[in-house]
C-alpha atoms as a PDB file:
ATOM      1  CA  MET A   1     139.251  64.228  -3.632  1.00  0.00           C
ATOM      2  CA  ALA A   2     136.240  62.769  -4.901  1.00  0.00           C
ATOM      3  CA  GLY A   3     134.646  64.265  -7.911  1.00  0.00           C
ATOM      4  CA  VAL A   4     131.339  64.831  -6.367  1.00  0.00           C
ATOM      5  CA  PRO A   5     130.812  68.263  -4.850  1.00  0.00           C
ATOM      6  CA  LYS A   6     128.951  67.060  -1.820  1.00  0.00           C
ATOM      7  CA  ILE A   7     131.422  63.996  -1.423  1.00  0.00           C
ATOM      8  CA  MET A   8     134.157  66.212  -1.800  1.00  0.00           C
ATOM      9  CA  GLN A   9     132.999  68.626   0.645  1.00  0.00           C
ATOM     10  CA  SER A  10     132.428  66.230   3.323  1.00  0.00           C
ATOM     11  CA  MET A  11     135.732  65.141   2.727  1.00  0.00           C
ATOM     12  CA  LEU A  12     137.233  68.329   3.179  1.00  0.00           C
ATOM     13  CA  GLU A  13     135.277  69.277   6.358  1.00  0.00           C
ATOM     14  CA  ALA A  14     136.626  66.027   8.030  1.00  0.00           C
ATOM     15  CA  ILE A  15     140.296  66.720   7.048  1.00  0.00           C
ATOM     16  CA  ALA A  16     140.068  70.434   7.882  1.00  0.00           C
ATOM     17  CA  PRO A  17     140.803  70.709  11.478  1.00  0.00           C
ATOM     18  CA  THR A  18     144.395  68.671  10.554  1.00  0.00           C
ATOM     19  CA  LEU A  19     145.459  71.181   8.118  1.00  0.00           C
ATOM     20  CA  GLU A  20     148.227  73.775   9.203  1.00  0.00           C
ATOM     21  CA  GLY A  21     148.190  77.454   7.724  1.00  0.00           C
ATOM     22  CA  GLY A  22     151.318  78.529   6.168  1.00  0.00           C
ATOM     23  CA  ARG A  23     152.875  81.865   5.520  1.00  0.00           C
ATOM     24  CA  LYS A  24     150.605  84.427   3.723  1.00  0.00           C
ATOM     25  CA  VAL A  25     151.956  84.690   0.221  1.00  0.00           C
ATOM     26  CA  MET A  26     152.092  88.719  -1.139  1.00  0.00           C
ATOM     27  CA  SER A  27     152.028  89.523  -4.950  1.00  0.00           C
ATOM     28  CA  VAL A  28     153.050  92.901  -6.804  1.00  0.00           C
ATOM     29  CA  THR A  29     152.290  93.325 -10.563  1.00  0.00           C
ATOM     30  CA  ILE A  30     154.126  95.555 -12.596  1.00  0.00           C
ATOM     31  CA  ARG A  31     153.074  96.262 -16.067  1.00  0.00           C
ATOM     32  CA  CYS A  32     155.517  96.518 -19.051  1.00  0.00           C
ATOM     33  CA  GLY A  33     154.888  97.995 -22.331  1.00  0.00           C
ATOM     34  CA  VAL A  34     157.133  95.640 -24.103  1.00  0.00           C
ATOM     35  CA  GLY A  35     157.037  92.116 -25.203  1.00  0.00           C
ATOM     36  CA  GLU A  36     158.605  89.273 -23.326  1.00  0.00           C
ATOM     37  CA  GLY A  37     161.311  88.936 -26.059  1.00  0.00           C
ATOM     38  CA  SER A  38     162.826  92.302 -24.669  1.00  0.00           C
ATOM     39  CA  ILE A  39     162.835  91.775 -20.985  1.00  0.00           C
ATOM     40  CA  GLY A  40     163.561  87.868 -20.973  1.00  0.00           C
ATOM     41  CA  GLY A  41     166.900  87.963 -20.298  1.00  0.00           C
ATOM     42  CA  PRO A  42     167.003  90.741 -17.637  1.00  0.00           C
ATOM     43  CA  LEU A  43     164.432  89.073 -15.868  1.00  0.00           C
ATOM     44  CA  GLY A  44     165.813  85.774 -15.994  1.00  0.00           C
ATOM     45  CA  ALA A  45     169.031  87.501 -14.085  1.00  0.00           C
ATOM     46  CA  LEU A  46     166.618  88.829 -11.558  1.00  0.00           C
ATOM     47  CA  GLN A  47     164.972  85.372 -10.858  1.00  0.00           C
ATOM     48  CA  ALA A  48     168.327  83.882 -10.316  1.00  0.00           C
ATOM     49  CA  GLU A  49     169.302  86.668  -7.934  1.00  0.00           C
ATOM     50  CA  PHE A  50     166.203  86.307  -5.856  1.00  0.00           C
ATOM     51  CA  PRO A  51     165.322  82.668  -6.022  1.00  0.00           C
ATOM     52  CA  ASP A  52     162.933  83.303  -3.079  1.00  0.00           C
ATOM     53  CA  VAL A  53     160.558  85.061  -4.980  1.00  0.00           C
ATOM     54  CA  LYS A  54     158.790  83.644  -7.820  1.00  0.00           C
ATOM     55  CA  MET A  55     158.417  85.819 -10.966  1.00  0.00           C
ATOM     56  CA  GLY A  56     155.774  85.037 -13.704  1.00  0.00           C
ATOM     57  CA  SER A  57     155.775  87.017 -17.354  1.00  0.00           C
ATOM     58  CA  TYR A  58     152.465  87.245 -18.988  1.00  0.00           C
ATOM     59  CA  PRO A  59     152.018  88.671 -22.259  1.00  0.00           C
ATOM     60  CA  LYS A  60     148.628  90.350 -22.981  1.00  0.00           C
ATOM     61  CA  MET A  61     147.513  89.697 -26.366  1.00  0.00           C
ATOM     62  CA  GLY A  62     144.810  91.596 -28.880  1.00  0.00           C
ATOM     63  CA  GLN A  63     146.218  94.937 -28.143  1.00  0.00           C
ATOM     64  CA  SER A  64     147.552  97.578 -30.274  1.00  0.00           C
ATOM     65  CA  THR A  65     151.145  97.431 -28.956  1.00  0.00           C
ATOM     66  CA  ALA A  66     152.968  94.681 -27.025  1.00  0.00           C
ATOM     67  CA  MET A  67     152.471  94.519 -23.296  1.00  0.00           C
ATOM     68  CA  THR A  68     153.592  92.142 -20.838  1.00  0.00           C
ATOM     69  CA  GLU A  69     152.469  91.721 -16.884  1.00  0.00           C
ATOM     70  CA  LEU A  70     155.133  90.867 -14.478  1.00  0.00           C
ATOM     71  CA  VAL A  71     153.734  89.192 -11.332  1.00  0.00           C
ATOM     72  CA  LEU A  72     156.236  88.452  -8.357  1.00  0.00           C
ATOM     73  CA  ARG A  73     155.067  86.459  -5.267  1.00  0.00           C
ATOM     74  CA  SER A  74     156.760  86.001  -1.931  1.00  0.00           C
ATOM     75  CA  SER A  75     156.047  85.216   1.504  1.00  0.00           C
ATOM     76  CA  ASP A  76     158.731  87.604   2.732  1.00  0.00           C
ATOM     77  CA  ALA A  77     157.595  91.391   2.448  1.00  0.00           C
ATOM     78  CA  ASP A  78     161.051  92.723   2.436  1.00  0.00           C
ATOM     79  CA  ARG A  79     162.422  90.319  -0.429  1.00  0.00           C
ATOM     80  CA  LEU A  80     159.221  90.985  -2.265  1.00  0.00           C
ATOM     81  CA  ARG A  81     159.856  94.939  -1.994  1.00  0.00           C
ATOM     82  CA  LEU A  82     163.715  94.735  -2.972  1.00  0.00           C
ATOM     83  CA  ALA A  83     162.833  92.222  -6.157  1.00  0.00           C
ATOM     84  CA  ALA A  84     159.701  94.674  -7.086  1.00  0.00           C
ATOM     85  CA  ASP A  85     162.076  97.606  -6.820  1.00  0.00           C
ATOM     86  CA  ARG A  86     164.709  95.965  -9.058  1.00  0.00           C
ATOM     87  CA  VAL A  87     162.157  94.686 -11.521  1.00  0.00           C
ATOM     88  CA  ARG A  88     160.442  97.832 -11.613  1.00  0.00           C
ATOM     89  CA  ALA A  89     163.982  99.588 -12.655  1.00  0.00           C
ATOM     90  CA  MET A  90     164.353  96.923 -15.376  1.00  0.00           C
ATOM     91  CA  VAL A  91     161.199  97.811 -16.876  1.00  0.00           C
ATOM     92  CA  VAL A  92     162.068 101.704 -16.581  1.00  0.00           C
ATOM     93  CA  GLU A  93     165.188 100.607 -18.724  1.00  0.00           C
ATOM     94  CA  ALA A  94     163.388  98.497 -21.067  1.00  0.00           C
ATOM     95  CA  HIS A  95     160.616 101.524 -21.648  1.00  0.00           C
ATOM     96  CA  ARG A  96     163.254 104.008 -22.092  1.00  0.00           C
ATOM     97  CA  ALA A  97     165.196 102.012 -24.962  1.00  0.00           C
ATOM     98  CA  ALA A  98     161.668 101.447 -26.507  1.00  0.00           C
ATOM     99  CA  GLY A  99     161.070 105.059 -26.434  1.00  0.00           C
ATOM    100  CA  LEU A 100     158.001 104.709 -23.920  1.00  0.00           C
ATOM    101  CA  SER A 101     157.093 106.501 -20.933  1.00  0.00           C
ATOM    102  CA  THR A 102     158.756 105.461 -17.647  1.00  0.00           C
ATOM    103  CA  GLU A 103     155.922 105.833 -15.815  1.00  0.00           C
ATOM    104  CA  ILE A 104     155.293 102.372 -14.519  1.00  0.00           C
ATOM    105  CA  GLU A 105     151.839 100.897 -13.422  1.00  0.00           C
ATOM    106  CA  VAL A 106     152.489  98.790 -10.175  1.00  0.00           C
ATOM    107  CA  TYR A 107     149.707  96.927  -8.196  1.00  0.00           C
END
């Protein structure tokens, strides 16, 4: 695509009618009160179990305690829900092992 906004806009408008829409991708974010090092192994195992659900791990810096946001994405709502339930259970166990609250924020 062209770098000049007006030219790119006209190019996009020209091809827009030929573009096909895909399946809607949904996401779930789960907040985890431990660092990535504590959950990397279990999260990797869950990603292997759910290859059709993309899982991302995003550490949050500058806070007094370690914190990681886990983001799951899929176009299959049932698989996303199942994977999110498993990740949530993994986070509960990680919190329990670290002596943290097992109430997990999910959005």
